Amino acid sequence: TLREALRFLELQGVIHLQLGRSGGPVVARPQTGDFANSLSLILHFMEADLRGLLELREAIAPDVAAYAAQRATTGDLSALADCLKELERNEAGSQFEELNRRFHDLLGWASGNPLFGLLTSSMHLLTREFSRSLGYSAQERAVQLRFLRRVLEAVRTGDAQAARQAMAKLVSGSASYLAGRSPELVSQKVKWGQI
């Protein structure tokens, strides 16, 4: 029925129902979480695992950093610098992983290509539950920060090649760290609704 269809669309975040005299279905602006949730459904049926998401990240993150070096605005640079400062203050804190993801999300949006921003942010939503159960050691956090500083400096100076190289080393090292620390974690399947 029409009522069921509207409820389904509301659950998917496509519309919201406005109450009142002039109420009814109103088209909602899609959010990154909506895309990530749909992607998680597809990946669930494909039986994709965390390793696949890490490989995707290794393939695109270096180029995202290079584009950011070429296209980041002063607002982007300021947001990235603020995020890095917060990361440094929380190096031993419980928010390190979330702030780390935020830095990468900001970098994705700073690439000047909203598709990179959407994909980067969605991948982080898909992997958040995996990484919460693991976390980074103090040594790995220091390594992450060292490379994030290099990425930011390269982006700030407009050096696309240096940004690409620093990010390639960062994501490759991070994937190796996660696989070495918990092989069973990286083989876990993506589950729909885990966002």
Protein backbone atom coordinates (compact mmCIF):
# COMPACT_ATOMS: atom_id res chain seq x y z
CA THR A 1 0.00 0.00 0.00
CA LEU A 2 0.97 3.62 -0.29
CA ARG A 3 1.22 3.96 3.50
CA GLU A 4 3.68 1.04 3.69
CA ALA A 5 5.73 2.46 0.83
CA LEU A 6 5.94 5.82 2.61
CA ARG A 7 7.01 4.14 5.85
CA PHE A 8 9.70 2.21 3.96
CA LEU A 9 11.00 5.41 2.36
CA GLU A 10 10.99 7.10 5.76
CA LEU A 11 12.99 4.25 7.30
CA GLN A 12 15.51 4.55 4.48
CA GLY A 13 15.91 8.28 5.16
CA VAL A 14 14.56 9.27 1.74
CA ILE A 15 11.59 11.18 3.14
CA HIS A 16 10.29 12.38 6.46
CA LEU A 17 6.65 12.75 7.30
CA GLN A 18 5.69 16.25 8.31
CA LEU A 19 2.74 16.39 10.68
CA GLY A 20 0.05 19.02 10.79
CA ARG A 21 -2.44 20.68 8.53
CA SER A 22 -0.04 21.17 5.62
CA GLY A 23 1.89 18.00 6.43
CA GLY A 24 2.75 15.00 4.34
CA PRO A 25 5.82 13.34 2.87
CA VAL A 26 8.82 15.65 2.40
CA VAL A 27 11.95 14.61 0.53
CA ALA A 28 14.92 14.53 2.90
CA ARG A 29 18.46 15.53 2.00
CA PRO A 30 20.49 12.30 1.84
CA GLN A 31 23.31 11.96 4.34
CA THR A 32 26.56 10.00 4.22
CA GLY A 33 25.10 7.50 6.68
CA ASP A 34 22.27 6.73 4.24
CA PHE A 35 24.78 5.86 1.52
CA ALA A 36 26.91 3.84 3.95
CA ASN A 37 23.86 1.88 5.12
CA SER A 38 22.88 1.03 1.53
CA LEU A 39 26.48 0.09 0.76
CA SER A 40 26.60 -2.14 3.84
CA LEU A 41 23.57 -4.04 2.55
CA ILE A 42 25.26 -4.69 -0.80
CA LEU A 43 28.56 -5.65 0.85
CA HIS A 44 26.69 -7.95 3.26
CA PHE A 45 25.22 -9.92 0.36
CA MET A 46 28.58 -9.95 -1.43
CA GLU A 47 30.12 -11.34 1.78
CA ALA A 48 32.78 -8.64 1.69
CA ASP A 49 35.16 -8.49 4.63
CA LEU A 50 37.20 -5.82 6.37
CA ARG A 51 40.26 -6.83 4.35
CA GLY A 52 38.42 -5.79 1.17
CA LEU A 53 37.61 -2.39 2.66
CA LEU A 54 41.23 -1.93 3.74
CA GLU A 55 42.42 -2.77 0.22
CA LEU A 56 39.96 -0.26 -1.24
CA ARG A 57 41.30 2.35 1.15
CA GLU A 58 44.89 1.56 0.12
CA ALA A 59 43.89 1.99 -3.52
CA ILE A 60 42.17 5.37 -3.23
CA ALA A 61 43.50 7.19 -0.14
CA PRO A 62 46.86 8.20 -1.67
CA ASP A 63 45.16 9.83 -4.66
CA VAL A 64 42.61 11.51 -2.40
CA ALA A 65 45.52 13.08 -0.49
CA ALA A 66 47.13 14.18 -3.76
CA TYR A 67 43.90 15.84 -4.93
CA ALA A 68 43.57 17.55 -1.55
CA ALA A 69 47.09 18.94 -1.99
CA GLN A 70 45.98 20.47 -5.28
CA ARG A 71 42.50 21.65 -4.27
CA ALA A 72 42.19 22.21 -0.51
CA THR A 73 40.77 25.57 0.49
CA THR A 74 42.00 27.65 3.41
CA GLY A 75 38.92 26.43 5.30
CA ASP A 76 39.88 22.82 4.57
CA LEU A 77 43.45 23.43 5.73
CA SER A 78 42.24 25.06 8.92
CA ALA A 79 39.87 22.16 9.69
CA LEU A 80 42.61 19.60 9.01
CA ALA A 81 45.11 21.48 11.21
CA ASP A 82 42.56 21.76 14.03
CA CYS A 83 41.78 18.06 13.78
CA LEU A 84 45.46 17.14 13.86
CA LYS A 85 46.00 19.31 16.97
CA GLU A 86 43.08 17.55 18.65
CA LEU A 87 44.54 14.18 17.62
CA GLU A 88 47.88 15.13 19.17
CA ARG A 89 46.15 16.15 22.41
CA ASN A 90 44.29 12.81 22.45
CA GLU A 91 47.19 10.57 21.41
CA ALA A 92 46.67 8.40 24.49
CA GLY A 93 42.94 9.06 24.76
CA SER A 94 39.87 7.06 23.91
CA GLN A 95 38.92 9.38 21.04
CA PHE A 96 42.07 8.79 19.00
CA GLU A 97 40.49 6.40 16.47
CA GLU A 98 37.45 8.62 15.94
CA LEU A 99 39.59 11.73 15.47
CA ASN A 100 41.86 9.80 13.10
CA ARG A 101 38.81 8.87 10.99
CA ARG A 102 37.67 12.49 11.11
CA PHE A 103 41.02 13.67 9.73
CA HIS A 104 40.69 11.25 6.80
CA ASP A 105 37.08 12.32 6.24
CA LEU A 106 38.10 15.97 6.15
CA LEU A 107 40.86 15.10 3.70
CA GLY A 108 38.35 13.30 1.47
CA TRP A 109 36.11 16.35 1.34
CA ALA A 110 39.18 18.61 0.83
CA SER A 111 39.95 16.68 -2.37
CA GLY A 112 37.44 18.88 -4.15
CA ASN A 113 35.55 15.80 -5.34
CA PRO A 114 32.43 15.10 -3.28
CA LEU A 115 32.50 11.46 -4.41
CA PHE A 116 35.82 10.99 -2.60
CA GLY A 117 34.40 12.67 0.47
CA LEU A 118 31.30 10.48 0.39
CA LEU A 119 33.23 7.26 -0.17
CA THR A 120 35.88 8.03 2.46
CA SER A 121 33.31 8.94 5.10
CA SER A 122 31.15 5.93 4.23
CA MET A 123 34.09 3.53 4.49
CA HIS A 124 34.83 4.90 7.94
CA LEU A 125 31.24 4.37 9.03
CA LEU A 126 31.46 0.79 7.73
CA THR A 127 34.72 0.07 9.58
CA ARG A 128 34.03 1.93 12.83
CA GLU A 129 32.70 -1.09 14.73
CA PHE A 130 35.62 -3.25 13.58
CA SER A 131 38.25 -0.81 14.82
CA ARG A 132 36.49 -0.02 18.10
CA SER A 133 37.07 -3.57 19.23
CA LEU A 134 40.78 -3.38 18.38
CA GLY A 135 42.26 0.07 18.81
CA TYR A 136 45.82 1.17 18.14
CA SER A 137 48.82 0.60 20.40
CA ALA A 138 50.75 3.63 21.68
CA GLN A 139 53.51 2.89 19.16
CA GLU A 140 51.05 2.67 16.25
CA ARG A 141 49.37 5.90 17.32
CA ALA A 142 52.75 7.64 17.18
CA VAL A 143 53.35 6.23 13.69
CA GLN A 144 49.90 7.36 12.55
CA LEU A 145 50.50 10.87 13.86
CA ARG A 146 53.91 11.11 12.20
CA PHE A 147 52.43 10.27 8.80
CA LEU A 148 49.36 12.48 9.30
CA ARG A 149 51.70 15.40 9.98
CA ARG A 150 53.54 14.63 6.72
CA VAL A 151 50.26 14.41 4.81
CA LEU A 152 49.04 17.72 6.22
CA GLU A 153 52.34 19.47 5.47
CA ALA A 154 52.27 18.18 1.89
CA VAL A 155 48.66 19.29 1.46
CA ARG A 156 49.45 22.68 3.00
CA THR A 157 52.37 23.23 0.58
CA GLY A 158 50.47 21.87 -2.42
CA ASP A 159 52.88 18.95 -2.94
CA ALA A 160 50.61 16.29 -4.42
CA GLN A 161 53.38 13.71 -4.83
CA ALA A 162 54.53 14.01 -1.21
CA ALA A 163 50.91 13.80 -0.02
CA ARG A 164 50.37 10.67 -2.12
CA GLN A 165 53.56 9.01 -0.83
CA ALA A 166 52.91 9.81 2.83
CA MET A 167 49.33 8.59 2.62
CA ALA A 168 50.35 5.41 0.77
CA LYS A 169 52.79 4.57 3.57
CA LEU A 170 50.22 5.43 6.23
CA VAL A 171 47.36 3.28 4.90
CA SER A 172 49.62 0.40 3.93
CA GLY A 173 51.20 0.38 7.37
CA SER A 174 47.82 0.66 9.06
CA ALA A 175 46.41 -2.28 7.08
CA SER A 176 49.47 -4.38 7.91
CA TYR A 177 49.20 -3.43 11.57
CA LEU A 178 45.52 -4.42 11.75
CA ALA A 179 46.08 -7.68 9.86
CA GLY A 180 49.02 -8.59 12.09
CA ARG A 181 47.28 -7.67 15.31
CA SER A 182 44.02 -9.45 14.57
CA PRO A 183 43.85 -11.67 11.46
CA GLU A 184 40.40 -12.85 12.53
CA LEU A 185 39.14 -9.26 12.65
CA VAL A 186 40.16 -8.42 9.08
CA SER A 187 38.42 -11.56 7.84
CA GLN A 188 35.11 -10.59 9.50
CA LYS A 189 32.27 -9.93 7.08
CA VAL A 190 30.54 -6.60 6.71
CA LYS A 191 27.08 -6.80 8.26
CA TRP A 192 24.15 -4.74 7.12
CA GLY A 193 23.01 -2.21 9.68
CA GLN A 194 26.36 -2.14 11.51
CA ILE A 195 26.61 1.60 10.92
